[in-house]
C-alpha atoms as a PDB file:
ATOM      1  CA  MET A   1     106.878 145.206 102.134  1.00  0.00           C
ATOM      2  CA  THR A   2     109.805 142.938 101.175  1.00  0.00           C
ATOM      3  CA  SER A   3     109.110 139.220 100.886  1.00  0.00           C
ATOM      4  CA  PRO A   4     111.256 137.142 103.268  1.00  0.00           C
ATOM      5  CA  ALA A   5     113.850 134.821 101.713  1.00  0.00           C
ATOM      6  CA  THR A   6     112.337 131.389 101.036  1.00  0.00           C
ATOM      7  CA  HIS A   7     113.662 127.885 100.557  1.00  0.00           C
ATOM      8  CA  TYR A   8     111.670 126.661  97.468  1.00  0.00           C
ATOM      9  CA  TYR A   9     111.550 122.999  96.293  1.00  0.00           C
ATOM     10  CA  GLU A  10     109.284 120.701  94.392  1.00  0.00           C
ATOM     11  CA  PRO A  11     108.768 117.443  96.280  1.00  0.00           C
ATOM     12  CA  ARG A  12     109.102 115.179  93.221  1.00  0.00           C
ATOM     13  CA  LEU A  13     112.577 116.634  92.705  1.00  0.00           C
ATOM     14  CA  GLY A  14     113.666 116.384  96.300  1.00  0.00           C
ATOM     15  CA  HIS A  15     113.778 118.962  99.151  1.00  0.00           C
ATOM     16  CA  GLY A  16     117.577 119.478  99.266  1.00  0.00           C
ATOM     17  CA  LEU A  17     117.669 119.459 103.093  1.00  0.00           C
ATOM     18  CA  PRO A  18     119.229 116.952 105.582  1.00  0.00           C
ATOM     19  CA  HIS A  19     115.652 115.946 106.683  1.00  0.00           C
ATOM     20  CA  ASP A  20     112.314 116.211 104.875  1.00  0.00           C
ATOM     21  CA  PRO A  21     110.628 119.310 106.420  1.00  0.00           C
ATOM     22  CA  LEU A  22     107.027 118.267 105.557  1.00  0.00           C
ATOM     23  CA  ASN A  23     106.225 116.451 108.799  1.00  0.00           C
ATOM     24  CA  ALA A  24     108.026 119.207 110.895  1.00  0.00           C
ATOM     25  CA  ILE A  25     105.838 121.878 109.230  1.00  0.00           C
ATOM     26  CA  ILE A  26     102.661 120.003 109.744  1.00  0.00           C
ATOM     27  CA  GLY A  27     103.283 119.514 113.384  1.00  0.00           C
ATOM     28  CA  PRO A  28     103.190 118.843 116.061  1.00  0.00           C
ATOM     29  CA  ARG A  29     100.793 116.072 115.253  1.00  0.00           C
ATOM     30  CA  PRO A  30      98.647 113.860 117.579  1.00  0.00           C
ATOM     31  CA  ILE A  31      99.734 110.184 117.708  1.00  0.00           C
ATOM     32  CA  GLY A  32      97.558 107.388 116.384  1.00  0.00           C
ATOM     33  CA  TRP A  33      98.284 104.664 118.906  1.00  0.00           C
ATOM     34  CA  ILE A  34      96.237 101.960 117.300  1.00  0.00           C
ATOM     35  CA  ALA A  35      95.325  98.625 118.808  1.00  0.00           C
ATOM     36  CA  SER A  36      93.775  95.909 116.657  1.00  0.00           C
ATOM     37  CA  VAL A  37      93.429  92.142 116.460  1.00  0.00           C
ATOM     38  CA  ASN A  38      93.711  89.839 113.482  1.00  0.00           C
ATOM     39  CA  ALA A  39      91.165  87.210 112.483  1.00  0.00           C
ATOM     40  CA  ALA A  40      92.753  84.729 114.806  1.00  0.00           C
ATOM     41  CA  GLY A  41      92.465  87.207 117.760  1.00  0.00           C
ATOM     42  CA  GLN A  42      96.170  87.975 117.979  1.00  0.00           C
ATOM     43  CA  ARG A  43      96.812  91.505 119.380  1.00  0.00           C
ATOM     44  CA  ASN A  44      98.682  94.335 117.633  1.00  0.00           C
ATOM     45  CA  LEU A  45      99.629  97.773 119.001  1.00  0.00           C
ATOM     46  CA  ALA A  46     101.383 100.391 116.902  1.00  0.00           C
ATOM     47  CA  PRO A  47     101.936 104.140 116.771  1.00  0.00           C
ATOM     48  CA  TYR A  48     101.183 106.231 113.639  1.00  0.00           C
ATOM     49  CA  SER A  49     102.257 109.905 113.258  1.00  0.00           C
ATOM     50  CA  PHE A  50      99.700 110.604 110.568  1.00  0.00           C
ATOM     51  CA  PHE A  51      96.549 110.732 112.649  1.00  0.00           C
ATOM     52  CA  ASN A  52      93.699 113.102 113.385  1.00  0.00           C
ATOM     53  CA  CYS A  53      89.903 113.648 114.074  1.00  0.00           C
ATOM     54  CA  PHE A  54      87.763 114.488 111.006  1.00  0.00           C
ATOM     55  CA  ASN A  55      84.081 114.657 112.145  1.00  0.00           C
ATOM     56  CA  TYR A  56      81.908 115.443 115.196  1.00  0.00           C
ATOM     57  CA  HIS A  57      78.646 113.579 114.541  1.00  0.00           C
ATOM     58  CA  PRO A  58      79.265 110.757 114.188  1.00  0.00           C
ATOM     59  CA  PRO A  59      82.782 111.127 115.530  1.00  0.00           C
ATOM     60  CA  ILE A  60      85.272 109.924 112.833  1.00  0.00           C
ATOM     61  CA  ILE A  61      89.009 109.527 113.555  1.00  0.00           C
ATOM     62  CA  GLY A  62      91.587 108.196 111.123  1.00  0.00           C
ATOM     63  CA  PHE A  63      95.333 107.366 110.532  1.00  0.00           C
ATOM     64  CA  CYS A  64      97.444 106.716 107.571  1.00  0.00           C
ATOM     65  CA  SER A  65      99.525 103.479 107.206  1.00  0.00           C
ATOM     66  CA  VAL A  66     102.517 104.038 104.949  1.00  0.00           C
ATOM     67  CA  GLY A  67     102.620 100.524 103.546  1.00  0.00           C
ATOM     68  CA  TRP A  68     100.037  97.716 104.163  1.00  0.00           C
ATOM     69  CA  LYS A  69     101.107  97.075 107.727  1.00  0.00           C
ATOM     70  CA  ASP A  70      99.532  94.822 110.399  1.00  0.00           C
ATOM     71  CA  SER A  71      97.228  97.494 111.703  1.00  0.00           C
ATOM     72  CA  ALA A  72      95.664  98.160 108.263  1.00  0.00           C
ATOM     73  CA  ALA A  73      95.446  94.473 107.528  1.00  0.00           C
ATOM     74  CA  ASN A  74      93.823  93.593 110.900  1.00  0.00           C
ATOM     75  CA  ILE A  75      91.331  96.433 110.670  1.00  0.00           C
ATOM     76  CA  SER A  76      90.425  95.664 107.158  1.00  0.00           C
ATOM     77  CA  ALA A  77      89.743  92.029 108.152  1.00  0.00           C
ATOM     78  CA  THR A  78      87.892  92.592 111.421  1.00  0.00           C
ATOM     79  CA  GLY A  79      86.435  96.167 110.935  1.00  0.00           C
ATOM     80  CA  GLU A  80      87.464  97.308 114.449  1.00  0.00           C
ATOM     81  CA  PHE A  81      90.236  99.065 116.233  1.00  0.00           C
ATOM     82  CA  VAL A  82      91.011 101.123 119.397  1.00  0.00           C
ATOM     83  CA  TRP A  83      92.857 104.453 119.532  1.00  0.00           C
ATOM     84  CA  ASN A  84      94.742 105.040 122.795  1.00  0.00           C
ATOM     85  CA  LEU A  85      95.979 108.534 123.976  1.00  0.00           C
ATOM     86  CA  ALA A  86      99.761 108.595 124.079  1.00  0.00           C
ATOM     87  CA  THR A  87     100.902 110.570 127.157  1.00  0.00           C
ATOM     88  CA  ARG A  88     104.342 111.619 128.573  1.00  0.00           C
ATOM     89  CA  PRO A  89     104.334 108.925 131.150  1.00  0.00           C
ATOM     90  CA  LEU A  90     103.644 106.411 128.378  1.00  0.00           C
ATOM     91  CA  ALA A  91     106.057 107.771 125.878  1.00  0.00           C
ATOM     92  CA  GLU A  92     108.729 105.015 126.155  1.00  0.00           C
ATOM     93  CA  ALA A  93     106.091 102.316 125.983  1.00  0.00           C
ATOM     94  CA  MET A  94     104.417 103.890 122.934  1.00  0.00           C
ATOM     95  CA  ASN A  95     107.848 104.137 121.280  1.00  0.00           C
ATOM     96  CA  ASN A  96     108.628 100.514 121.986  1.00  0.00           C
ATOM     97  CA  CYS A  97     105.412  99.555 120.139  1.00  0.00           C
ATOM     98  CA  SER A  98     107.136 100.761 116.932  1.00  0.00           C
ATOM     99  CA  ALA A  99     109.729  97.953 117.133  1.00  0.00           C
ATOM    100  CA  SER A 100     109.818  95.509 114.282  1.00  0.00           C
ATOM    101  CA  LEU A 101     108.760  92.352 116.091  1.00  0.00           C
ATOM    102  CA  PRO A 102     108.315  88.849 114.653  1.00  0.00           C
ATOM    103  CA  ALA A 103     104.821  88.144 113.281  1.00  0.00           C
ATOM    104  CA  GLY A 104     102.588  87.165 116.186  1.00  0.00           C
ATOM    105  CA  GLN A 105     104.562  88.729 118.985  1.00  0.00           C
ATOM    106  CA  ASP A 106     102.358  90.875 121.231  1.00  0.00           C
ATOM    107  CA  GLU A 107     103.403  94.452 121.427  1.00  0.00           C
ATOM    108  CA  PHE A 108     101.350  94.892 124.694  1.00  0.00           C
ATOM    109  CA  SER A 109     103.586  92.317 126.288  1.00  0.00           C
ATOM    110  CA  PHE A 110     106.800  93.725 124.686  1.00  0.00           C
ATOM    111  CA  ALA A 111     106.043  97.270 125.896  1.00  0.00           C
ATOM    112  CA  GLY A 112     104.854  96.178 129.393  1.00  0.00           C
ATOM    113  CA  LEU A 113     101.205  97.306 128.843  1.00  0.00           C
ATOM    114  CA  THR A 114      98.003  95.830 130.076  1.00  0.00           C
ATOM    115  CA  PRO A 115      95.381  94.871 127.435  1.00  0.00           C
ATOM    116  CA  VAL A 116      91.729  95.304 128.280  1.00  0.00           C
ATOM    117  CA  LYS A 117      89.188  93.896 125.753  1.00  0.00           C
ATOM    118  CA  GLY A 118      87.008  96.617 124.347  1.00  0.00           C
ATOM    119  CA  THR A 119      83.282  97.017 125.323  1.00  0.00           C
ATOM    120  CA  ARG A 120      81.963  97.310 121.833  1.00  0.00           C
ATOM    121  CA  VAL A 121      84.858  95.902 119.814  1.00  0.00           C
ATOM    122  CA  ALA A 122      87.112  92.825 120.040  1.00  0.00           C
ATOM    123  CA  ALA A 123      90.272  94.926 119.899  1.00  0.00           C
ATOM    124  CA  HIS A 124      91.957  95.720 123.236  1.00  0.00           C
ATOM    125  CA  ARG A 125      92.644  99.023 124.748  1.00  0.00           C
ATOM    126  CA  VAL A 126      95.696 100.139 126.685  1.00  0.00           C
ATOM    127  CA  ALA A 127      94.604 100.092 130.322  1.00  0.00           C
ATOM    128  CA  GLU A 128      97.380 102.513 131.321  1.00  0.00           C
ATOM    129  CA  SER A 129      96.216 105.195 128.768  1.00  0.00           C
ATOM    130  CA  PRO A 130      93.827 107.713 130.298  1.00  0.00           C
ATOM    131  CA  VAL A 131      91.710 107.897 127.039  1.00  0.00           C
ATOM    132  CA  ASN A 132      90.627 105.196 124.653  1.00  0.00           C
ATOM    133  CA  PHE A 133      88.287 105.307 121.579  1.00  0.00           C
ATOM    134  CA  GLU A 134      86.733 102.111 120.427  1.00  0.00           C
ATOM    135  CA  CYS A 135      86.108 102.365 116.741  1.00  0.00           C
ATOM    136  CA  LYS A 136      84.388 100.626 113.844  1.00  0.00           C
ATOM    137  CA  LEU A 137      85.922 100.816 110.400  1.00  0.00           C
ATOM    138  CA  THR A 138      84.012 103.136 107.989  1.00  0.00           C
ATOM    139  CA  GLN A 139      86.506 103.458 105.148  1.00  0.00           C
ATOM    140  CA  CYS A 140      89.965 102.124 104.124  1.00  0.00           C
ATOM    141  CA  ILE A 141      91.212 104.140 101.220  1.00  0.00           C
ATOM    142  CA  GLN A 142      94.340 103.655  99.180  1.00  0.00           C
ATOM    143  CA  LEU A 143      95.827 107.099  98.557  1.00  0.00           C
ATOM    144  CA  GLN A 144      96.646 108.286  94.976  1.00  0.00           C
ATOM    145  CA  ALA A 145      98.886 110.959  93.487  1.00  0.00           C
ATOM    146  CA  ALA A 146      97.647 113.878  91.424  1.00  0.00           C
ATOM    147  CA  ASP A 147      98.207 111.835  88.288  1.00  0.00           C
ATOM    148  CA  GLY A 148      96.016 109.080  89.581  1.00  0.00           C
ATOM    149  CA  ALA A 149      98.807 106.687  90.366  1.00  0.00           C
ATOM    150  CA  ARG A 150      98.080 104.633  93.396  1.00  0.00           C
ATOM    151  CA  ILE A 151     100.386 105.016  96.368  1.00  0.00           C
ATOM    152  CA  ASP A 152     101.402 102.333  98.921  1.00  0.00           C
ATOM    153  CA  SER A 153      99.681 104.297 101.739  1.00  0.00           C
ATOM    154  CA  TRP A 154      96.248 103.520 103.231  1.00  0.00           C
ATOM    155  CA  LEU A 155      93.902 105.990 105.084  1.00  0.00           C
ATOM    156  CA  VAL A 156      91.917 104.058 107.728  1.00  0.00           C
ATOM    157  CA  LEU A 157      88.887 105.857 109.028  1.00  0.00           C
ATOM    158  CA  GLY A 158      86.722 104.752 111.890  1.00  0.00           C
ATOM    159  CA  GLU A 159      83.581 105.875 113.788  1.00  0.00           C
ATOM    160  CA  VAL A 160      84.099 106.169 117.521  1.00  0.00           C
ATOM    161  CA  VAL A 161      81.417 103.883 119.128  1.00  0.00           C
ATOM    162  CA  ALA A 162      82.657 103.945 122.701  1.00  0.00           C
ATOM    163  CA  VAL A 163      84.867 106.361 124.733  1.00  0.00           C
ATOM    164  CA  HIS A 164      86.773 105.756 127.946  1.00  0.00           C
ATOM    165  CA  ILE A 165      88.096 108.824 129.808  1.00  0.00           C
ATOM    166  CA  ALA A 166      89.800 108.838 133.249  1.00  0.00           C
ATOM    167  CA  THR A 167      87.567 110.941 135.512  1.00  0.00           C
ATOM    168  CA  SER A 168      90.603 112.788 136.824  1.00  0.00           C
ATOM    169  CA  LEU A 169      90.764 114.555 133.518  1.00  0.00           C
ATOM    170  CA  ILE A 170      87.256 116.013 133.788  1.00  0.00           C
ATOM    171  CA  ASP A 171      86.959 119.140 135.953  1.00  0.00           C
ATOM    172  CA  GLU A 172      84.047 120.185 138.220  1.00  0.00           C
ATOM    173  CA  HIS A 173      82.357 121.799 135.274  1.00  0.00           C
ATOM    174  CA  GLY A 174      82.380 118.759 133.118  1.00  0.00           C
ATOM    175  CA  VAL A 175      85.147 120.023 130.840  1.00  0.00           C
ATOM    176  CA  TYR A 176      87.901 117.676 129.739  1.00  0.00           C
ATOM    177  CA  GLN A 177      91.292 119.067 130.664  1.00  0.00           C
ATOM    178  CA  THR A 178      93.558 118.634 127.624  1.00  0.00           C
ATOM    179  CA  ALA A 179      96.875 119.693 129.213  1.00  0.00           C
ATOM    180  CA  ALA A 180      96.294 117.571 132.353  1.00  0.00           C
ATOM    181  CA  ALA A 181      96.430 114.363 130.332  1.00  0.00           C
ATOM    182  CA  GLN A 182      99.993 115.223 129.271  1.00  0.00           C
ATOM    183  CA  PRO A 183      99.536 114.286 125.609  1.00  0.00           C
ATOM    184  CA  ILE A 184     102.658 113.965 123.477  1.00  0.00           C
ATOM    185  CA  LEU A 185     102.741 115.089 119.821  1.00  0.00           C
ATOM    186  CA  ARG A 186     104.973 114.043 117.079  1.00  0.00           C
ATOM    187  CA  ALA A 187     107.179 116.701 115.287  1.00  0.00           C
ATOM    188  CA  GLY A 188     109.813 116.616 112.553  1.00  0.00           C
ATOM    189  CA  GLY A 189     113.068 114.636 112.354  1.00  0.00           C
ATOM    190  CA  PRO A 190     113.728 111.075 113.498  1.00  0.00           C
ATOM    191  CA  SER A 191     113.120 111.621 117.198  1.00  0.00           C
ATOM    192  CA  ALA A 192     111.356 114.931 118.022  1.00  0.00           C
ATOM    193  CA  TYR A 193     108.180 114.999 120.257  1.00  0.00           C
ATOM    194  CA  TYR A 194     106.508 117.803 122.104  1.00  0.00           C
ATOM    195  CA  GLY A 195     104.244 118.261 125.106  1.00  0.00           C
ATOM    196  CA  ILE A 196     101.689 120.908 125.938  1.00  0.00           C
ATOM    197  CA  SER A 197     100.984 122.916 128.994  1.00  0.00           C
ATOM    198  CA  ASP A 198      98.307 125.361 130.343  1.00  0.00           C
ATOM    199  CA  GLU A 199     100.990 128.111 130.242  1.00  0.00           C
ATOM    200  CA  GLN A 200     100.932 127.939 126.417  1.00  0.00           C
ATOM    201  CA  ARG A 201      97.163 128.194 126.185  1.00  0.00           C
ATOM    202  CA  PHE A 202      95.287 131.163 124.627  1.00  0.00           C
ATOM    203  CA  ASP A 203      91.634 131.563 123.642  1.00  0.00           C
ATOM    204  CA  LEU A 204      90.030 132.983 120.556  1.00  0.00           C
ATOM    205  CA  ILE A 205      86.305 133.497 120.043  1.00  0.00           C
ATOM    206  CA  ARG A 206      84.991 132.875 116.509  1.00  0.00           C
ATOM    207  CA  PRO A 207      83.520 136.032 114.900  1.00  0.00           C
ATOM    208  CA  ASP A 208      80.097 134.407 114.685  1.00  0.00           C
ATOM    209  CA  ASP A 209      80.100 133.723 118.385  1.00  0.00           C
ATOM    210  CA  ARG A 210      80.964 137.223 119.627  1.00  0.00           C
ATOM    211  CA  SER A 211      78.178 138.978 121.456  1.00  0.00           C
ATOM    212  CA  GLY A 212      76.472 141.795 119.680  1.00  0.00           C
ATOM    213  CA  LYS A 213      77.131 140.388 116.158  1.00  0.00           C
END
């Protein structure tokens, strides 16, 4: 079998393409729409495209801040944050939260969103979002390269201590309906996002879960 032609590069030497393909290959990615407050109680709301879930029990989610941005600083100071599900109806508002605003200006107000104070944390959740995770900081880790050099990027991990889910997204069998929430996912390039639908769903049963094994 003939190997397909490949585009080879070593990241330290550059990729040789108009746009870095890394975040298009590792995609689409869920969006870390992170709400926090600083020590004075001022709100902040920002989207992060490096985000995911890393553990079941206890539930751990995390995002990476490229640079020591307000979210990382606030969470490091207070130990709390809220993740909000970014959906297609909220896409424009989520995108507006990425604007470079003057220090102290409230992204909730700028994006026309309603803040609701968390039940277990001081940070506010986005009322319009159908799912919110209230989180307590577990680790804030500065990333480093293979040679040990520290990078100006910070992995923020938090334990989910409270969950809010719109009941309309839970079916009669008690199963959360992923596609019904219309989540949006980040892809490559400066502007690409994707949605999902039930038409694209397929199911696989793990080998260990198959009957007769």
